[in-house]
PDB file of N, CA and C in Angstrom:
ATOM      1  N   MET A   1      31.198   6.734  -3.916  1.00  0.00           N
ATOM      2  CA  MET A   1      30.077   6.043  -4.514  1.00  0.00           C
ATOM      3  C   MET A   1      29.694   4.859  -3.618  1.00  0.00           C
ATOM      4  N   GLY A   2      28.440   4.687  -3.352  1.00  0.00           N
ATOM      5  CA  GLY A   2      27.987   3.587  -2.523  1.00  0.00           C
ATOM      6  C   GLY A   2      27.247   2.555  -3.340  1.00  0.00           C
ATOM      7  N   PHE A   3      26.514   1.746  -2.647  1.00  0.00           N
ATOM      8  CA  PHE A   3      25.699   0.755  -3.344  1.00  0.00           C
ATOM      9  C   PHE A   3      24.531   1.442  -4.027  1.00  0.00           C
ATOM     10  N   PRO A   4      24.056   0.878  -5.122  1.00  0.00           N
ATOM     11  CA  PRO A   4      22.989   1.512  -5.919  1.00  0.00           C
ATOM     12  C   PRO A   4      21.607   1.288  -5.314  1.00  0.00           C
ATOM     13  N   ARG A   5      21.374   1.820  -4.121  1.00  0.00           N
ATOM     14  CA  ARG A   5      20.129   1.601  -3.397  1.00  0.00           C
ATOM     15  C   ARG A   5      18.879   2.063  -4.149  1.00  0.00           C
ATOM     16  N   PRO A   6      18.852   3.243  -4.753  1.00  0.00           N
ATOM     17  CA  PRO A   6      17.629   3.652  -5.450  1.00  0.00           C
ATOM     18  C   PRO A   6      17.241   2.700  -6.579  1.00  0.00           C
ATOM     19  N   ILE A   7      18.230   2.154  -7.268  1.00  0.00           N
ATOM     20  CA  ILE A   7      17.922   1.201  -8.327  1.00  0.00           C
ATOM     21  C   ILE A   7      17.318  -0.059  -7.726  1.00  0.00           C
ATOM     22  N   LEU A   8      17.822  -0.479  -6.573  1.00  0.00           N
ATOM     23  CA  LEU A   8      17.250  -1.649  -5.908  1.00  0.00           C
ATOM     24  C   LEU A   8      15.782  -1.400  -5.557  1.00  0.00           C
ATOM     25  N   GLN A   9      15.470  -0.191  -5.104  1.00  0.00           N
ATOM     26  CA  GLN A   9      14.096   0.134  -4.729  1.00  0.00           C
ATOM     27  C   GLN A   9      13.177   0.210  -5.933  1.00  0.00           C
ATOM     28  N   ILE A  10      13.706   0.524  -7.086  1.00  0.00           N
ATOM     29  CA  ILE A  10      12.900   0.606  -8.296  1.00  0.00           C
ATOM     30  C   ILE A  10      12.598  -0.788  -8.837  1.00  0.00           C
ATOM     31  N   VAL A  11      13.596  -1.646  -8.825  1.00  0.00           N
ATOM     32  CA  VAL A  11      13.455  -2.962  -9.430  1.00  0.00           C
ATOM     33  C   VAL A  11      12.590  -3.881  -8.570  1.00  0.00           C
ATOM     34  N   CYS A  12      12.697  -3.780  -7.259  1.00  0.00           N
ATOM     35  CA  CYS A  12      11.997  -4.695  -6.364  1.00  0.00           C
ATOM     36  C   CYS A  12      10.482  -4.722  -6.569  1.00  0.00           C
ATOM     37  N   PRO A  13       9.781  -3.588  -6.539  1.00  0.00           N
ATOM     38  CA  PRO A  13       8.328  -3.656  -6.752  1.00  0.00           C
ATOM     39  C   PRO A  13       7.965  -4.189  -8.133  1.00  0.00           C
ATOM     40  N   SER A  14       8.778  -3.876  -9.125  1.00  0.00           N
ATOM     41  CA  SER A  14       8.504  -4.371 -10.473  1.00  0.00           C
ATOM     42  C   SER A  14       8.643  -5.882 -10.538  1.00  0.00           C
ATOM     43  N   LEU A  15       9.665  -6.428  -9.879  1.00  0.00           N
ATOM     44  CA  LEU A  15       9.842  -7.880  -9.873  1.00  0.00           C
ATOM     45  C   LEU A  15       8.709  -8.583  -9.137  1.00  0.00           C
ATOM     46  N   PHE A  16       8.330  -8.058  -7.980  1.00  0.00           N
ATOM     47  CA  PHE A  16       7.261  -8.695  -7.227  1.00  0.00           C
ATOM     48  C   PHE A  16       5.922  -8.599  -7.966  1.00  0.00           C
ATOM     49  N   LEU A  17       5.654  -7.471  -8.606  1.00  0.00           N
ATOM     50  CA  LEU A  17       4.435  -7.360  -9.405  1.00  0.00           C
ATOM     51  C   LEU A  17       4.486  -8.316 -10.581  1.00  0.00           C
ATOM     52  N   GLY A  18       5.650  -8.434 -11.219  1.00  0.00           N
ATOM     53  CA  GLY A  18       5.801  -9.383 -12.317  1.00  0.00           C
ATOM     54  C   GLY A  18       5.582 -10.817 -11.873  1.00  0.00           C
ATOM     55  N   MET A  19       6.096 -11.170 -10.691  1.00  0.00           N
ATOM     56  CA  MET A  19       5.882 -12.529 -10.183  1.00  0.00           C
ATOM     57  C   MET A  19       4.413 -12.763  -9.842  1.00  0.00           C
ATOM     58  N   TYR A  20       3.762 -11.755  -9.274  1.00  0.00           N
ATOM     59  CA  TYR A  20       2.338 -11.867  -8.962  1.00  0.00           C
ATOM     60  C   TYR A  20       1.519 -12.069 -10.238  1.00  0.00           C
ATOM     61  N   LEU A  21       1.838 -11.296 -11.274  1.00  0.00           N
ATOM     62  CA  LEU A  21       1.134 -11.438 -12.547  1.00  0.00           C
ATOM     63  C   LEU A  21       1.400 -12.806 -13.171  1.00  0.00           C
ATOM     64  N   HIS A  22       2.634 -13.291 -13.022  1.00  0.00           N
ATOM     65  CA  HIS A  22       2.952 -14.626 -13.538  1.00  0.00           C
ATOM     66  C   HIS A  22       2.128 -15.692 -12.825  1.00  0.00           C
ATOM     67  N   ASN A  23       1.980 -15.551 -11.511  1.00  0.00           N
ATOM     68  CA  ASN A  23       1.162 -16.506 -10.764  1.00  0.00           C
ATOM     69  C   ASN A  23      -0.299 -16.445 -11.190  1.00  0.00           C
ATOM     70  N   LEU A  24      -0.820 -15.239 -11.439  1.00  0.00           N
ATOM     71  CA  LEU A  24      -2.189 -15.115 -11.943  1.00  0.00           C
ATOM     72  C   LEU A  24      -2.334 -15.798 -13.299  1.00  0.00           C
ATOM     73  N   HIS A  25      -1.344 -15.618 -14.148  1.00  0.00           N
ATOM     74  CA  HIS A  25      -1.373 -16.262 -15.466  1.00  0.00           C
ATOM     75  C   HIS A  25      -1.306 -17.776 -15.332  1.00  0.00           C
ATOM     76  N   HIS A  26      -0.460 -18.238 -14.416  1.00  0.00           N
ATOM     77  CA  HIS A  26      -0.317 -19.679 -14.189  1.00  0.00           C
ATOM     78  C   HIS A  26      -1.618 -20.294 -13.669  1.00  0.00           C
ATOM     79  N   ASP A  27      -2.354 -19.536 -12.851  1.00  0.00           N
ATOM     80  CA  ASP A  27      -3.630 -20.014 -12.314  1.00  0.00           C
ATOM     81  C   ASP A  27      -4.769 -19.897 -13.320  1.00  0.00           C
ATOM     82  N   GLY A  28      -4.533 -19.221 -14.435  1.00  0.00           N
ATOM     83  CA  GLY A  28      -5.567 -19.072 -15.456  1.00  0.00           C
ATOM     84  C   GLY A  28      -6.413 -17.827 -15.285  1.00  0.00           C
ATOM     85  N   SER A  29      -6.037 -16.932 -14.397  1.00  0.00           N
ATOM     86  CA  SER A  29      -6.812 -15.721 -14.144  1.00  0.00           C
ATOM     87  C   SER A  29      -6.389 -14.544 -15.018  1.00  0.00           C
ATOM     88  N   LEU A  30      -5.305 -14.715 -15.774  1.00  0.00           N
ATOM     89  CA  LEU A  30      -4.780 -13.629 -16.590  1.00  0.00           C
ATOM     90  C   LEU A  30      -4.402 -14.175 -17.960  1.00  0.00           C
ATOM     91  N   LEU A  31      -4.866 -13.500 -18.990  1.00  0.00           N
ATOM     92  CA  LEU A  31      -4.563 -13.926 -20.353  1.00  0.00           C
ATOM     93  C   LEU A  31      -3.091 -13.691 -20.679  1.00  0.00           C
ATOM     94  N   THR A  32      -2.586 -14.461 -21.633  1.00  0.00           N
ATOM     95  CA  THR A  32      -1.189 -14.329 -22.040  1.00  0.00           C
ATOM     96  C   THR A  32      -0.904 -12.939 -22.598  1.00  0.00           C
ATOM     97  N   ALA A  33      -1.832 -12.397 -23.378  1.00  0.00           N
ATOM     98  CA  ALA A  33      -1.635 -11.057 -23.948  1.00  0.00           C
ATOM     99  C   ALA A  33      -1.546 -10.009 -22.842  1.00  0.00           C
ATOM    100  N   ALA A  34      -2.376 -10.141 -21.821  1.00  0.00           N
ATOM    101  CA  ALA A  34      -2.330  -9.190 -20.702  1.00  0.00           C
ATOM    102  C   ALA A  34      -1.018  -9.322 -19.934  1.00  0.00           C
ATOM    103  N   LEU A  35      -0.564 -10.553 -19.733  1.00  0.00           N
ATOM    104  CA  LEU A  35       0.715 -10.761 -19.050  1.00  0.00           C
ATOM    105  C   LEU A  35       1.850 -10.138 -19.844  1.00  0.00           C
ATOM    106  N   ALA A  36       1.871 -10.360 -21.145  1.00  0.00           N
ATOM    107  CA  ALA A  36       2.926  -9.796 -21.989  1.00  0.00           C
ATOM    108  C   ALA A  36       2.900  -8.271 -21.949  1.00  0.00           C
ATOM    109  N   THR A  37       1.710  -7.700 -21.968  1.00  0.00           N
ATOM    110  CA  THR A  37       1.589  -6.240 -21.914  1.00  0.00           C
ATOM    111  C   THR A  37       2.140  -5.709 -20.602  1.00  0.00           C
ATOM    112  N   TRP A  38       1.775  -6.330 -19.487  1.00  0.00           N
ATOM    113  CA  TRP A  38       2.265  -5.884 -18.185  1.00  0.00           C
ATOM    114  C   TRP A  38       3.778  -6.039 -18.064  1.00  0.00           C
ATOM    115  N   ILE A  39       4.322  -7.130 -18.584  1.00  0.00           N
ATOM    116  CA  ILE A  39       5.769  -7.332 -18.518  1.00  0.00           C
ATOM    117  C   ILE A  39       6.492  -6.242 -19.303  1.00  0.00           C
ATOM    118  N   ILE A  40       5.971  -5.909 -20.477  1.00  0.00           N
ATOM    119  CA  ILE A  40       6.567  -4.840 -21.283  1.00  0.00           C
ATOM    120  C   ILE A  40       6.511  -3.514 -20.528  1.00  0.00           C
ATOM    121  N   VAL A  41       5.373  -3.230 -19.895  1.00  0.00           N
ATOM    122  CA  VAL A  41       5.234  -1.982 -19.131  1.00  0.00           C
ATOM    123  C   VAL A  41       6.234  -1.943 -17.973  1.00  0.00           C
ATOM    124  N   LEU A  42       6.383  -3.038 -17.262  1.00  0.00           N
ATOM    125  CA  LEU A  42       7.314  -3.075 -16.129  1.00  0.00           C
ATOM    126  C   LEU A  42       8.761  -2.921 -16.585  1.00  0.00           C
ATOM    127  N   VAL A  43       9.119  -3.572 -17.672  1.00  0.00           N
ATOM    128  CA  VAL A  43      10.487  -3.456 -18.188  1.00  0.00           C
ATOM    129  C   VAL A  43      10.758  -2.019 -18.641  1.00  0.00           C
ATOM    130  N   LEU A  44       9.802  -1.425 -19.341  1.00  0.00           N
ATOM    131  CA  LEU A  44       9.976  -0.040 -19.771  1.00  0.00           C
ATOM    132  C   LEU A  44      10.076   0.909 -18.582  1.00  0.00           C
ATOM    133  N   TYR A  45       9.323   0.635 -17.527  1.00  0.00           N
ATOM    134  CA  TYR A  45       9.387   1.457 -16.316  1.00  0.00           C
ATOM    135  C   TYR A  45      10.787   1.414 -15.700  1.00  0.00           C
ATOM    136  N   VAL A  46      11.306   0.217 -15.513  1.00  0.00           N
ATOM    137  CA  VAL A  46      12.632   0.068 -14.908  1.00  0.00           C
ATOM    138  C   VAL A  46      13.702   0.703 -15.794  1.00  0.00           C
ATOM    139  N   LEU A  47      13.618   0.449 -17.098  1.00  0.00           N
ATOM    140  CA  LEU A  47      14.619   1.007 -18.008  1.00  0.00           C
ATOM    141  C   LEU A  47      14.542   2.528 -18.088  1.00  0.00           C
ATOM    142  N   SER A  48      13.338   3.081 -18.005  1.00  0.00           N
ATOM    143  CA  SER A  48      13.216   4.539 -18.067  1.00  0.00           C
ATOM    144  C   SER A  48      13.814   5.196 -16.827  1.00  0.00           C
ATOM    145  N   ILE A  49      13.563   4.630 -15.655  1.00  0.00           N
ATOM    146  CA  ILE A  49      14.134   5.186 -14.426  1.00  0.00           C
ATOM    147  C   ILE A  49      15.653   5.034 -14.438  1.00  0.00           C
ATOM    148  N   ALA A  50      16.132   3.857 -14.824  1.00  0.00           N
ATOM    149  CA  ALA A  50      17.579   3.631 -14.881  1.00  0.00           C
ATOM    150  C   ALA A  50      18.221   4.560 -15.905  1.00  0.00           C
ATOM    151  N   GLY A  51      17.583   4.719 -17.056  1.00  0.00           N
ATOM    152  CA  GLY A  51      18.109   5.612 -18.083  1.00  0.00           C
ATOM    153  C   GLY A  51      18.160   7.053 -17.621  1.00  0.00           C
ATOM    154  N   CYS A  52      17.129   7.481 -16.906  1.00  0.00           N
ATOM    155  CA  CYS A  52      17.118   8.854 -16.373  1.00  0.00           C
ATOM    156  C   CYS A  52      18.241   9.060 -15.372  1.00  0.00           C
ATOM    157  N   ARG A  53      18.486   8.091 -14.526  1.00  0.00           N
ATOM    158  CA  ARG A  53      19.560   8.219 -13.535  1.00  0.00           C
ATOM    159  C   ARG A  53      20.925   8.260 -14.205  1.00  0.00           C
ATOM    160  N   LEU A  54      21.080   7.477 -15.282  1.00  0.00           N
ATOM    161  CA  LEU A  54      22.335   7.536 -16.034  1.00  0.00           C
ATOM    162  C   LEU A  54      22.491   8.888 -16.714  1.00  0.00           C
ATOM    163  N   TYR A  55      21.428   9.356 -17.340  1.00  0.00           N
ATOM    164  CA  TYR A  55      21.467  10.611 -18.081  1.00  0.00           C
ATOM    165  C   TYR A  55      21.772  11.800 -17.166  1.00  0.00           C
ATOM    166  N   MET A  56      21.149  11.799 -16.002  1.00  0.00           N
ATOM    167  CA  MET A  56      21.335  12.921 -15.076  1.00  0.00           C
ATOM    168  C   MET A  56      22.662  12.838 -14.322  1.00  0.00           C
ATOM    169  N   GLY A  57      23.368  11.744 -14.473  1.00  0.00           N
ATOM    170  CA  GLY A  57      24.663  11.602 -13.818  1.00  0.00           C
ATOM    171  C   GLY A  57      24.574  11.180 -12.367  1.00  0.00           C
ATOM    172  N   MET A  58      23.410  10.726 -11.939  1.00  0.00           N
ATOM    173  CA  MET A  58      23.252  10.286 -10.550  1.00  0.00           C
ATOM    174  C   MET A  58      23.981   8.964 -10.306  1.00  0.00           C
ATOM    175  N   HIS A  59      24.055   8.142 -11.340  1.00  0.00           N
ATOM    176  CA  HIS A  59      24.703   6.833 -11.244  1.00  0.00           C
ATOM    177  C   HIS A  59      25.531   6.605 -12.490  1.00  0.00           C
ATOM    178  N   LYS A  60      26.419   5.658 -12.392  1.00  0.00           N
ATOM    179  CA  LYS A  60      27.194   5.205 -13.535  1.00  0.00           C
ATOM    180  C   LYS A  60      26.597   3.885 -14.007  1.00  0.00           C
ATOM    181  N   PHE A  61      26.991   3.449 -15.190  1.00  0.00           N
ATOM    182  CA  PHE A  61      26.433   2.220 -15.751  1.00  0.00           C
ATOM    183  C   PHE A  61      26.632   1.042 -14.804  1.00  0.00           C
ATOM    184  N   MET A  62      27.807   0.960 -14.178  1.00  0.00           N
ATOM    185  CA  MET A  62      28.087  -0.158 -13.270  1.00  0.00           C
ATOM    186  C   MET A  62      27.135  -0.132 -12.072  1.00  0.00           C
ATOM    187  N   ASP A  63      26.823   1.032 -11.529  1.00  0.00           N
ATOM    188  CA  ASP A  63      25.870   1.127 -10.415  1.00  0.00           C
ATOM    189  C   ASP A  63      24.516   0.548 -10.808  1.00  0.00           C
ATOM    190  N   VAL A  64      24.037   0.957 -11.961  1.00  0.00           N
ATOM    191  CA  VAL A  64      22.713   0.531 -12.404  1.00  0.00           C
ATOM    192  C   VAL A  64      22.691  -0.961 -12.681  1.00  0.00           C
ATOM    193  N   SER A  65      23.678  -1.461 -13.401  1.00  0.00           N
ATOM    194  CA  SER A  65      23.679  -2.884 -13.749  1.00  0.00           C
ATOM    195  C   SER A  65      23.845  -3.768 -12.512  1.00  0.00           C
ATOM    196  N   VAL A  66      24.730  -3.361 -11.585  1.00  0.00           N
ATOM    197  CA  VAL A  66      24.908  -4.137 -10.358  1.00  0.00           C
ATOM    198  C   VAL A  66      23.650  -4.065  -9.494  1.00  0.00           C
ATOM    199  N   GLY A  67      23.018  -2.905  -9.414  1.00  0.00           N
ATOM    200  CA  GLY A  67      21.790  -2.773  -8.625  1.00  0.00           C
ATOM    201  C   GLY A  67      20.677  -3.660  -9.139  1.00  0.00           C
ATOM    202  N   ILE A  68      20.480  -3.682 -10.446  1.00  0.00           N
ATOM    203  CA  ILE A  68      19.438  -4.532 -11.028  1.00  0.00           C
ATOM    204  C   ILE A  68      19.771  -6.001 -10.806  1.00  0.00           C
ATOM    205  N   THR A  69      21.032  -6.368 -11.004  1.00  0.00           N
ATOM    206  CA  THR A  69      21.440  -7.766 -10.812  1.00  0.00           C
ATOM    207  C   THR A  69      21.268  -8.195  -9.357  1.00  0.00           C
ATOM    208  N   LEU A  70      21.677  -7.337  -8.419  1.00  0.00           N
ATOM    209  CA  LEU A  70      21.523  -7.680  -7.001  1.00  0.00           C
ATOM    210  C   LEU A  70      20.067  -7.898  -6.622  1.00  0.00           C
ATOM    211  N   ARG A  71      19.186  -7.068  -7.135  1.00  0.00           N
ATOM    212  CA  ARG A  71      17.775  -7.205  -6.778  1.00  0.00           C
ATOM    213  C   ARG A  71      17.177  -8.455  -7.395  1.00  0.00           C
ATOM    214  N   ILE A  72      17.528  -8.764  -8.623  1.00  0.00           N
ATOM    215  CA  ILE A  72      17.011  -9.983  -9.255  1.00  0.00           C
ATOM    216  C   ILE A  72      17.487 -11.208  -8.483  1.00  0.00           C
ATOM    217  N   VAL A  73      18.757 -11.231  -8.102  1.00  0.00           N
ATOM    218  CA  VAL A  73      19.286 -12.348  -7.320  1.00  0.00           C
ATOM    219  C   VAL A  73      18.622 -12.396  -5.948  1.00  0.00           C
ATOM    220  N   GLY A  74      18.456 -11.239  -5.318  1.00  0.00           N
ATOM    221  CA  GLY A  74      17.827 -11.195  -3.995  1.00  0.00           C
ATOM    222  C   GLY A  74      16.401 -11.685  -4.004  1.00  0.00           C
ATOM    223  N   VAL A  75      15.640 -11.303  -5.004  1.00  0.00           N
ATOM    224  CA  VAL A  75      14.258 -11.768  -5.101  1.00  0.00           C
ATOM    225  C   VAL A  75      14.233 -13.255  -5.403  1.00  0.00           C
ATOM    226  N   GLY A  76      15.145 -13.714  -6.236  1.00  0.00           N
ATOM    227  CA  GLY A  76      15.210 -15.153  -6.529  1.00  0.00           C
ATOM    228  C   GLY A  76      15.524 -15.976  -5.292  1.00  0.00           C
ATOM    229  N   ILE A  77      16.420 -15.465  -4.457  1.00  0.00           N
ATOM    230  CA  ILE A  77      16.748 -16.169  -3.212  1.00  0.00           C
ATOM    231  C   ILE A  77      15.581 -16.103  -2.234  1.00  0.00           C
ATOM    232  N   ALA A  78      14.936 -14.922  -2.131  1.00  0.00           N
ATOM    233  CA  ALA A  78      13.840 -14.761  -1.178  1.00  0.00           C
ATOM    234  C   ALA A  78      12.639 -15.638  -1.542  1.00  0.00           C
ATOM    235  N   THR A  79      12.409 -15.828  -2.824  1.00  0.00           N
ATOM    236  CA  THR A  79      11.277 -16.656  -3.228  1.00  0.00           C
ATOM    237  C   THR A  79      11.677 -18.103  -3.469  1.00  0.00           C
ATOM    238  N   ASP A  80      12.965 -18.392  -3.334  1.00  0.00           N
ATOM    239  CA  ASP A  80      13.486 -19.733  -3.523  1.00  0.00           C
ATOM    240  C   ASP A  80      13.179 -20.259  -4.919  1.00  0.00           C
ATOM    241  N   GLY A  81      13.098 -19.347  -5.894  1.00  0.00           N
ATOM    242  CA  GLY A  81      12.862 -19.731  -7.277  1.00  0.00           C
ATOM    243  C   GLY A  81      11.429 -20.098  -7.585  1.00  0.00           C
ATOM    244  N   ASP A  82      10.500 -19.893  -6.643  1.00  0.00           N
ATOM    245  CA  ASP A  82       9.099 -20.247  -6.853  1.00  0.00           C
ATOM    246  C   ASP A  82       8.352 -19.056  -7.432  1.00  0.00           C
ATOM    247  N   ALA A  83       8.622 -18.751  -8.686  1.00  0.00           N
ATOM    248  CA  ALA A  83       7.950 -17.621  -9.326  1.00  0.00           C
ATOM    249  C   ALA A  83       6.652 -18.051  -9.951  1.00  0.00           C
TER     250      ALA A  83
END
């Protein structure tokens, strides 16, 4: 078993899109309801892919949880917390 690379690839675009949407909301270009809707869609997307990988036996729970945690930490470090 290696590092959970596919999970990292799934979470990364979702996090960056979420941060972009947050910045739009912060600038006043996006309504709160629209931001909440997009966040729910992104979370459901990540959870559905992770759930499918668990169900199909491609990964174990630890792979998925560590992959998501690593990507969240990596994005936080790369953006220096400026979300």
